[in-house]
Protein backbone atom coordinates (compact mmCIF):
# COMPACT_ATOMS: atom_id res chain seq x y z
CA UNK A 1 0.00 0.00 0.00
CA UNK A 2 1.33 3.43 -0.96
CA UNK A 3 1.67 6.16 1.65
CA UNK A 4 0.08 8.88 -0.51
CA UNK A 5 -1.95 8.57 -3.70
CA UNK A 6 -3.30 11.39 -5.86
CA UNK A 7 -5.66 10.48 -8.71
CA UNK A 8 -6.74 13.31 -11.02
CA UNK A 9 -6.74 15.85 -8.20
CA UNK A 10 -7.72 19.45 -8.96
CA UNK A 11 -8.19 22.38 -6.61
CA UNK A 12 -9.81 25.70 -7.50
CA UNK A 13 -10.32 28.86 -5.48
CA UNK A 14 -13.15 31.34 -5.96
CA UNK A 15 -11.85 34.83 -6.75
CA UNK A 16 -14.23 37.75 -6.17
CA UNK A 17 -13.59 41.15 -7.72
CA UNK A 18 -15.46 42.92 -4.91
CA UNK A 19 -16.33 41.87 -1.32
CA UNK A 20 -20.03 42.40 -1.95
CA UNK A 21 -20.07 39.87 -4.77
CA UNK A 22 -19.56 37.03 -2.29
CA UNK A 23 -22.70 38.02 -0.35
CA UNK A 24 -24.69 38.58 -3.56
CA UNK A 25 -23.79 35.11 -4.80
CA UNK A 26 -24.64 33.55 -1.43
CA UNK A 27 -28.10 35.18 -1.27
CA UNK A 28 -28.92 34.73 -4.96
CA UNK A 29 -31.91 32.40 -5.47
CA UNK A 30 -30.81 31.40 -8.96
CA UNK A 31 -27.19 30.79 -7.86
CA UNK A 32 -25.92 33.70 -9.92
CA UNK A 33 -22.16 33.28 -10.32
CA UNK A 34 -20.23 36.32 -9.09
CA UNK A 35 -16.73 34.82 -9.01
CA UNK A 36 -14.10 33.40 -11.31
CA UNK A 37 -12.25 30.18 -10.58
CA UNK A 38 -8.51 30.13 -10.03
CA UNK A 39 -7.03 26.65 -10.64
CA UNK A 40 -4.29 25.99 -8.06
CA UNK A 41 -3.92 22.32 -9.08
CA UNK A 42 -5.02 20.73 -12.34
CA UNK A 43 -5.43 16.98 -12.76
CA UNK A 44 -2.45 15.98 -10.59
CA UNK A 45 -1.72 12.26 -10.25
CA UNK A 46 1.18 10.59 -8.44
CA UNK A 47 1.99 8.06 -5.74
CA UNK A 48 4.50 8.32 -2.90
CA UNK A 49 5.63 4.89 -1.77
CA UNK A 50 6.24 3.96 1.84
CA UNK A 51 9.71 4.95 3.02
CA UNK A 52 10.25 7.17 -0.02
CA UNK A 53 11.56 10.74 0.03
CA UNK A 54 9.35 12.46 -2.53
CA UNK A 55 10.51 15.98 -3.45
CA UNK A 56 8.32 18.65 -5.05
CA UNK A 57 9.82 21.60 -6.94
CA UNK A 58 8.42 24.53 -8.87
CA UNK A 59 8.16 28.28 -8.91
CA UNK A 60 6.29 30.24 -6.26
CA UNK A 61 2.58 29.91 -6.95
CA UNK A 62 2.87 26.59 -8.76
CA UNK A 63 0.68 24.73 -6.25
CA UNK A 64 3.32 23.02 -4.07
CA UNK A 65 1.97 24.25 -0.72
CA UNK A 66 -1.62 23.57 -1.77
CA UNK A 67 -0.64 19.97 -2.52
CA UNK A 68 0.93 19.46 0.91
CA UNK A 69 -2.02 21.06 2.68
CA UNK A 70 -4.31 18.61 0.91
CA UNK A 71 -2.15 15.69 2.08
CA UNK A 72 -2.35 17.09 5.62
CA UNK A 73 -6.14 17.31 5.37
CA UNK A 74 -6.25 21.10 5.74
CA UNK A 75 -7.71 21.52 2.25
CA UNK A 76 -10.02 19.27 0.26
CA UNK A 77 -9.86 18.71 -3.51
CA UNK A 78 -12.38 20.24 -5.89
CA UNK A 79 -12.22 16.99 -7.88
CA UNK A 80 -10.24 13.75 -7.86
CA UNK A 81 -9.33 11.43 -4.99
CA UNK A 82 -6.61 11.50 -2.32
CA UNK A 83 -5.56 8.54 -0.18
CA UNK A 84 -3.23 9.05 2.79
CA UNK A 85 -2.21 5.95 4.73
CA UNK A 86 -0.37 6.69 7.98
CA UNK A 87 0.10 9.23 10.77
CA UNK A 88 0.93 12.61 9.22
CA UNK A 89 3.20 15.20 10.82
CA UNK A 90 3.47 18.49 8.97
CA UNK A 91 5.95 21.36 9.02
CA UNK A 92 4.14 23.83 6.78
CA UNK A 93 3.95 27.62 7.00
CA UNK A 94 6.11 29.30 9.63
CA UNK A 95 4.42 28.82 13.01
CA UNK A 96 1.42 26.96 11.59
CA UNK A 97 -0.40 25.20 14.42
CA UNK A 98 1.21 27.33 17.14
CA UNK A 99 -0.79 29.65 19.38
CA UNK A 100 1.39 32.78 19.70
CA UNK A 101 -0.02 33.53 23.18
CA UNK A 102 0.96 30.11 24.55
CA UNK A 103 4.45 29.23 25.68
CA UNK A 104 6.62 26.86 23.66
CA UNK A 105 5.98 24.13 26.21
CA UNK A 106 2.21 24.59 25.98
CA UNK A 107 2.38 24.47 22.20
CA UNK A 108 4.31 21.21 22.32
CA UNK A 109 1.47 19.62 24.29
CA UNK A 110 -1.15 21.27 22.06
CA UNK A 111 0.44 20.00 18.85
CA UNK A 112 0.99 16.55 20.27
CA UNK A 113 -2.67 16.34 21.28
CA UNK A 114 -3.80 17.41 17.80
CA UNK A 115 -1.65 14.63 16.34
CA UNK A 116 -3.37 12.08 18.58
CA UNK A 117 -0.80 11.61 21.35
CA UNK A 118 -1.81 11.24 24.96
CA UNK A 119 -0.39 13.50 27.67
CA UNK A 120 1.83 10.66 28.87
CA UNK A 121 3.18 10.04 25.38
CA UNK A 122 3.97 13.74 24.99
CA UNK A 123 5.73 13.77 28.37
CA UNK A 124 7.89 10.85 27.23
CA UNK A 125 8.94 12.82 24.14
CA UNK A 126 9.19 16.27 25.70
CA UNK A 127 12.87 16.05 26.69
CA UNK A 128 13.86 14.97 23.16
CA UNK A 129 11.85 17.85 21.67
CA UNK A 130 13.37 20.42 24.04
CA UNK A 131 16.88 19.10 23.44
CA UNK A 132 16.59 19.16 19.64
CA UNK A 133 15.01 22.63 19.53
CA UNK A 134 17.84 24.18 21.58
CA UNK A 135 15.97 27.38 22.44
CA UNK A 136 16.85 27.33 26.16
CA UNK A 137 14.61 29.20 28.58
CA UNK A 138 12.51 30.52 25.70
CA UNK A 139 10.64 27.19 25.81
CA UNK A 140 8.69 28.72 28.72
CA UNK A 141 8.05 32.06 26.99
CA UNK A 142 5.14 32.97 24.66
CA UNK A 143 5.79 31.96 21.04
CA UNK A 144 4.99 35.52 19.94
CA UNK A 145 8.37 36.55 21.45
CA UNK A 146 10.29 34.02 19.28
CA UNK A 147 12.36 34.83 16.24
CA UNK A 148 11.43 33.04 13.00
CA UNK A 149 14.39 30.72 13.44
CA UNK A 150 13.30 29.74 16.96
CA UNK A 151 9.78 28.99 15.73
CA UNK A 152 11.17 26.65 13.07
CA UNK A 153 13.46 24.94 15.57
CA UNK A 154 10.54 24.14 17.87
CA UNK A 155 8.18 23.20 15.04
CA UNK A 156 10.69 20.80 13.47
CA UNK A 157 11.53 19.26 16.84
CA UNK A 158 7.83 18.54 17.44
CA UNK A 159 7.23 17.22 13.91
CA UNK A 160 10.00 14.62 14.04
CA UNK A 161 9.34 13.39 17.58
CA UNK A 162 5.70 12.36 17.28
CA UNK A 163 6.61 9.12 15.47
CA UNK A 164 5.26 10.19 12.07
CA UNK A 165 4.72 7.71 9.27
CA UNK A 166 4.44 10.57 6.78
CA UNK A 167 6.39 13.81 7.26
CA UNK A 168 5.50 16.93 5.27
CA UNK A 169 8.11 19.70 5.02
CA UNK A 170 7.26 22.89 3.14
CA UNK A 171 10.33 25.12 2.67
CA UNK A 172 10.35 25.88 6.41
CA UNK A 173 14.02 24.98 6.86
CA UNK A 174 15.07 27.82 4.56
CA UNK A 175 14.90 30.30 7.45
CA UNK A 176 17.08 28.21 9.76
CA UNK A 177 20.76 28.87 10.36
CA UNK A 178 23.26 26.55 8.68
CA UNK A 179 24.05 24.66 11.92
CA UNK A 180 20.41 23.81 12.57
CA UNK A 181 19.77 23.06 8.90
CA UNK A 182 22.56 20.49 8.85
CA UNK A 183 21.10 18.85 11.96
CA UNK A 184 17.70 18.74 10.29
CA UNK A 185 19.10 17.14 7.14
CA UNK A 186 20.84 14.47 9.24
CA UNK A 187 17.54 13.84 11.02
CA UNK A 188 15.77 13.54 7.69
CA UNK A 189 18.31 10.90 6.70
CA UNK A 190 17.60 9.03 9.95
CA UNK A 191 13.86 9.13 9.27
CA UNK A 192 14.47 7.77 5.77
CA UNK A 193 16.36 4.81 7.21
CA UNK A 194 13.46 4.19 9.61
CA UNK A 195 11.07 3.95 6.67
CA UNK A 196 9.27 7.27 7.16
CA UNK A 197 7.70 8.67 3.98
CA UNK A 198 8.81 12.28 3.43
CA UNK A 199 7.14 14.81 1.12
CA UNK A 200 9.64 17.65 0.83
CA UNK A 201 8.91 20.97 -0.88
CA UNK A 202 12.00 23.08 -1.53
CA UNK A 203 13.71 25.51 -3.88
CA UNK A 204 17.11 24.03 -2.99
CA UNK A 205 17.77 21.73 -5.95
CA UNK A 206 20.90 20.40 -4.26
CA UNK A 207 18.72 19.01 -1.44
CA UNK A 208 16.51 17.25 -3.97
CA UNK A 209 19.50 15.54 -5.55
CA UNK A 210 21.01 14.64 -2.19
CA UNK A 211 18.00 13.11 -0.42
CA UNK A 212 15.26 12.62 -3.02
CA UNK A 213 14.20 9.21 -4.31
CA UNK A 214 11.83 10.78 -6.82
CA UNK A 215 10.87 14.33 -7.73
CA UNK A 216 7.76 16.09 -9.05
CA UNK A 217 7.91 19.38 -10.96
CA UNK A 218 4.78 21.51 -10.82
CA UNK A 219 4.16 24.51 -13.07
CA UNK A 220 0.96 26.54 -12.69
CA UNK A 221 -0.67 23.60 -10.93
CA UNK A 222 0.17 21.03 -13.60
CA UNK A 223 2.65 18.16 -13.54
CA UNK A 224 5.54 18.85 -15.92
CA UNK A 225 7.96 16.07 -14.94
CA UNK A 226 7.86 13.15 -12.53
CA UNK A 227 10.67 10.67 -11.95
CA UNK A 228 14.38 10.51 -11.15
CA UNK A 229 15.54 13.62 -9.24
CA UNK A 230 18.56 14.20 -11.48
CA UNK A 231 16.44 14.13 -14.63
CA UNK A 232 13.67 16.31 -13.19
CA UNK A 233 16.05 18.89 -11.71
CA UNK A 234 18.03 19.12 -14.96
CA UNK A 235 14.87 20.00 -16.90
CA UNK A 236 13.60 22.32 -14.17
CA UNK A 237 16.91 24.18 -13.98
CA UNK A 238 17.03 24.47 -17.77
CA UNK A 239 13.54 25.99 -17.84
CA UNK A 240 14.40 28.47 -15.09
CA UNK A 241 17.61 29.43 -16.89
CA UNK A 242 15.70 30.05 -20.11
CA UNK A 243 13.12 32.15 -18.26
CA UNK A 244 15.86 34.18 -16.57
CA UNK A 245 17.65 34.68 -19.88
CA UNK A 246 14.47 35.97 -21.50
CA UNK A 247 13.89 38.35 -18.59
CA UNK A 248 17.44 39.62 -18.72
CA UNK A 249 17.19 40.14 -22.48
CA UNK A 250 14.22 42.46 -22.01
CA UNK A 251 16.25 44.56 -19.57
CA UNK A 252 19.53 44.37 -21.43
CA UNK A 253 21.34 47.67 -21.87
CA UNK A 254 24.53 47.09 -23.82
CA UNK A 255 25.77 50.63 -23.20
CA UNK A 256 25.75 50.03 -19.46
CA UNK A 257 27.55 46.69 -19.72
CA UNK A 258 30.86 46.68 -17.89
CA UNK A 259 33.79 46.47 -20.31
CA UNK A 260 35.87 43.34 -20.20
CA UNK A 261 39.60 43.38 -20.63
CA UNK A 262 40.82 42.52 -24.11
CA UNK A 263 39.08 40.85 -27.03
CA UNK A 264 40.16 37.40 -28.11
CA UNK A 265 39.79 36.27 -31.69
CA UNK A 266 38.40 32.84 -32.44
CA UNK A 267 41.20 30.26 -32.22
CA UNK A 268 42.16 28.26 -35.28
CA UNK A 269 40.54 25.00 -36.25
CA UNK A 270 43.60 23.01 -35.16
CA UNK A 271 42.44 23.36 -31.53
CA UNK A 272 38.95 22.01 -32.15
CA UNK A 273 37.59 19.11 -30.09
CA UNK A 274 34.55 17.43 -31.58
CA UNK A 275 33.63 14.68 -29.12
CA UNK A 276 30.98 14.79 -26.40
CA UNK A 277 31.24 11.59 -24.34
CA UNK A 278 27.82 11.93 -22.68
CA UNK A 279 24.64 14.02 -22.84
CA UNK A 280 22.28 13.73 -19.85
CA UNK A 281 20.25 16.77 -20.88
CA UNK A 282 20.68 19.64 -23.29
CA UNK A 283 19.00 23.04 -23.45
CA UNK A 284 19.36 26.49 -25.00
CA UNK A 285 17.91 28.62 -27.80
CA UNK A 286 20.02 26.79 -30.44
CA UNK A 287 21.80 29.86 -31.85
CA UNK A 288 25.08 28.08 -31.09
CA UNK A 289 26.10 24.58 -30.04
CA UNK A 290 28.86 22.96 -28.01
CA UNK A 291 30.56 20.48 -30.34
CA UNK A 292 33.20 19.02 -28.02
CA UNK A 293 34.88 18.94 -24.63
CA UNK A 294 38.12 17.38 -23.43
CA UNK A 295 40.20 17.43 -20.26
CA UNK A 296 43.94 17.45 -20.92
CA UNK A 297 47.14 17.37 -18.90
CA UNK A 298 49.87 20.01 -19.14
CA UNK A 299 51.32 18.24 -22.18
CA UNK A 300 48.03 18.32 -24.07
CA UNK A 301 47.19 14.63 -23.58
CA UNK A 302 43.70 13.52 -22.60
CA UNK A 303 43.54 12.26 -19.02
CA UNK A 304 41.61 9.31 -17.64
CA UNK A 305 41.67 10.42 -13.99
CA UNK A 306 41.95 13.65 -12.06
CA UNK A 307 45.00 13.98 -9.82
CA UNK A 308 44.96 16.14 -6.67
CA UNK A 309 47.06 19.32 -6.84
CA UNK A 310 47.59 19.03 -10.60
CA UNK A 311 47.00 21.46 -13.48
CA UNK A 312 44.47 20.47 -16.10
CA UNK A 313 43.22 22.06 -19.31
CA UNK A 314 39.46 21.99 -19.90
CA UNK A 315 39.01 22.53 -23.65
CA UNK A 316 35.57 23.48 -24.99
CA UNK A 317 34.71 23.95 -28.67
CA UNK A 318 31.48 25.56 -29.86
CA UNK A 319 30.00 26.48 -33.24
CA UNK A 320 27.76 29.47 -33.97
CA UNK A 321 24.59 28.81 -35.97
CA UNK A 322 23.64 32.48 -36.02
CA UNK A 323 25.59 35.67 -35.38
CA UNK A 324 26.67 35.99 -31.74
CA UNK A 325 27.79 39.55 -30.90
CA UNK A 326 29.13 38.66 -27.43
CA UNK A 327 29.79 34.92 -27.05
CA UNK A 328 30.57 33.44 -23.62
CA UNK A 329 32.02 29.95 -23.22
CA UNK A 330 32.26 28.15 -19.88
CA UNK A 331 31.72 24.99 -17.89
CA UNK A 332 30.30 23.78 -14.56
CA UNK A 333 32.01 21.16 -12.38
CA UNK A 334 29.64 18.92 -10.41
CA UNK A 335 30.24 16.30 -7.74
CA UNK A 336 28.83 12.79 -7.55
CA UNK A 337 25.61 14.06 -5.92
CA UNK A 338 24.93 16.34 -8.88
CA UNK A 339 25.66 19.49 -6.86
CA UNK A 340 27.31 22.39 -8.65
CA UNK A 341 30.79 22.27 -7.14
CA UNK A 342 32.55 25.03 -9.10
CA UNK A 343 32.34 26.73 -12.47
CA UNK A 344 33.68 29.52 -14.61
CA UNK A 345 33.41 31.14 -18.05
CA UNK A 346 35.23 33.59 -20.28
CA UNK A 347 33.25 36.59 -19.02
CA UNK A 348 33.85 35.59 -15.40
CA UNK A 349 37.59 35.42 -16.07
CA UNK A 350 37.58 38.82 -17.82
CA UNK A 351 38.17 37.58 -21.38
CA UNK A 352 35.93 39.03 -24.08
CA UNK A 353 35.61 36.81 -27.13
CA UNK A 354 35.31 38.27 -30.62
CA UNK A 355 31.86 38.14 -32.25
CA UNK A 356 31.05 34.90 -34.04
CA UNK A 357 29.40 34.64 -37.43
CA UNK A 358 27.24 31.72 -38.45
CA UNK A 359 29.39 28.63 -38.98
CA UNK A 360 32.43 29.91 -37.08
CA UNK A 361 33.97 27.78 -34.35
CA UNK A 362 35.58 28.98 -31.14
CA UNK A 363 37.74 26.85 -28.86
CA UNK A 364 38.62 27.98 -25.34
CA UNK A 365 41.21 26.39 -23.04
CA UNK A 366 40.62 26.79 -19.30
CA UNK A 367 43.81 26.12 -17.36
CA UNK A 368 42.72 24.97 -13.89
CA UNK A 369 44.87 24.31 -10.83
CA UNK A 370 43.04 21.50 -9.07
CA UNK A 371 43.05 21.50 -5.27
CA UNK A 372 43.15 18.30 -3.26
CA UNK A 373 39.56 17.07 -3.44
CA UNK A 374 37.92 14.07 -1.87
CA UNK A 375 38.01 10.95 -4.10
CA UNK A 376 34.75 10.89 -6.05
CA UNK A 377 33.36 11.31 -9.55
CA UNK A 378 33.23 14.84 -10.98
CA UNK A 379 31.45 15.83 -14.18
CA UNK A 380 31.99 18.75 -16.57
CA UNK A 381 28.97 20.54 -18.11
CA UNK A 382 30.06 22.86 -20.97
CA UNK A 383 27.99 25.77 -22.26
CA UNK A 384 27.94 28.70 -24.69
CA UNK A 385 25.84 31.84 -24.20
CA UNK A 386 25.49 35.29 -25.79
CA UNK A 387 25.64 38.54 -23.83
CA UNK A 388 27.37 39.70 -20.68
CA UNK A 389 27.81 38.16 -17.26
CA UNK A 390 24.80 40.18 -16.09
CA UNK A 391 22.62 39.97 -19.23
CA UNK A 392 22.87 36.83 -21.38
CA UNK A 393 20.92 34.24 -23.35
CA UNK A 394 21.83 30.57 -23.05
CA UNK A 395 22.53 29.09 -26.47
CA UNK A 396 23.57 25.56 -25.52
CA UNK A 397 24.18 23.76 -22.24
CA UNK A 398 25.07 20.06 -21.92
CA UNK A 399 24.61 18.40 -18.53
CA UNK A 400 27.45 16.08 -17.46
CA UNK A 401 29.17 15.85 -20.84
CA UNK A 402 32.34 14.35 -19.37
CA UNK A 403 32.93 12.57 -16.04
CA UNK A 404 36.26 11.76 -14.39
CA UNK A 405 37.26 10.21 -11.08
CA UNK A 406 39.46 12.05 -8.59
CA UNK A 407 42.22 9.77 -7.36
CA UNK A 408 42.86 9.35 -3.65
CA UNK A 409 45.75 11.34 -2.19
CA UNK A 410 48.41 9.59 -0.14
CA UNK A 411 47.58 11.62 2.98
CA UNK A 412 43.82 11.34 2.61
CA UNK A 413 41.28 14.17 2.35
CA UNK A 414 39.08 15.09 5.30
CA UNK A 415 35.81 16.64 4.19
CA UNK A 416 35.29 17.85 0.63
CA UNK A 417 38.53 19.69 0.04
CA UNK A 418 41.95 20.05 1.62
CA UNK A 419 42.80 23.71 2.06
CA UNK A 420 46.45 24.59 1.45
CA UNK A 421 47.98 25.74 4.70
CA UNK A 422 51.33 26.66 6.27
CA UNK A 423 52.33 25.36 9.69
CA UNK A 424 54.28 27.17 12.34
CA UNK A 425 54.89 25.93 15.86
CA UNK A 426 55.23 28.66 18.46
CA UNK A 427 57.89 27.87 21.13
CA UNK A 428 56.64 27.40 24.65
CA UNK A 429 57.95 29.79 27.29
CA UNK A 430 58.43 28.28 30.72
CA UNK A 431 56.31 29.97 33.37
CA UNK A 432 58.35 31.92 35.88
CA UNK A 433 58.32 30.43 39.38
CA UNK A 434 59.53 33.68 40.94
CA UNK A 435 57.24 36.64 40.14
CA UNK A 436 60.03 39.05 40.94
CA UNK A 437 62.19 37.56 38.23
CA UNK A 438 59.94 39.05 35.56
CA UNK A 439 61.18 42.50 36.59
CA UNK A 440 64.82 41.57 36.31
CA UNK A 441 66.40 41.35 32.87
CA UNK A 442 69.43 39.37 34.12
CA UNK A 443 67.24 36.85 35.94
CA UNK A 444 64.78 36.39 33.05
CA UNK A 445 67.45 35.67 30.43
CA UNK A 446 68.68 32.32 31.82
CA UNK A 447 65.07 31.15 32.29
CA UNK A 448 64.26 32.00 28.70
CA UNK A 449 67.37 30.23 27.41
CA UNK A 450 66.45 27.16 29.43
CA UNK A 451 62.88 27.05 28.12
CA UNK A 452 64.03 27.39 24.49
CA UNK A 453 67.09 25.27 24.81
């Protein structure tokens, strides 16, 4: 049995142009319609399996919060059927379910009671809730005196300690500090291992890739994509990039663009690379295309593995299909979780490429000094755009065109990256036994020589 099932679910809200229209419609004998319907969700169907982390992405106003509220039972569908199998704990809008006049402690008991726990069961969980929230003496103060971060801390602590079978999280963690957010993500991982079903709404695409089993992309209340998080996020990111590019184009002011140093002519054809080992997803307006990418060593030979603390050359070739007045070539480096690890482009590095005519090819070499990274797989996503760093249109972007493993260093890497550092050991100075000696230069000198010698 699935934890959550949506079958053809739609939700509409009545929008009235004037307050009096609502009363007129209510009192009308012939049911005269005085409103227009706003569709928040349109024919949405999906299933969330037990123990699955199901992520939901989309722009503001796409229906994500409405969907979670329907799972929680706060809202009811206008049409379609919803089946929810299991105890639901929800972390929705900031402070939802809290009485601002009550203390934090009182709200813990109130929320626990609403979720069906007895007073004894709440008392058994209270210490764990208080410890996880870490708000100190504020637990006994009215919630209206809390900061937004403190409200989230308490709300999350309650939500995870009522033994939920289904946990709903709606972007609430975005207001938390990084320390608390990391603790929450670790707790989410623990809940996943315990078989708790999690419906997670977020704008943080890196979170979706890191913890999601499947992802759903909503746009204006309709399902656009449903499936593997990497695939869904790639298409979602591409759509948002295209939308941003179109917006920037409308506001583009070439006279106000900051000048870049130098103008580089298109390199000769002898530098062209024309192989693309892999294409996970591709997007852009098609006015130019990436035709090849290669990662080379300092001698110009293709490498099979990345070495810590080495210098590599990332070579990207692209062809214009239409005239590009201000071409930009670059790449993004991603880690094995699909998170954007680092990236750069010609505009970012202060190099202005010469305009490209249709059919012309440009090849750019990026010389990169690799730090000592943790051993994992890293992928290169090349791209070509037209415009400036502030105002551009994406012509072609290829997700994960080339992947290479980072070899393990002899010393080992702790964390994600080893930061270069210099060591210096400060000599210890022996503490003076005789306080008076500190006032005597002749007496202090032998003591100092002894401590250093």
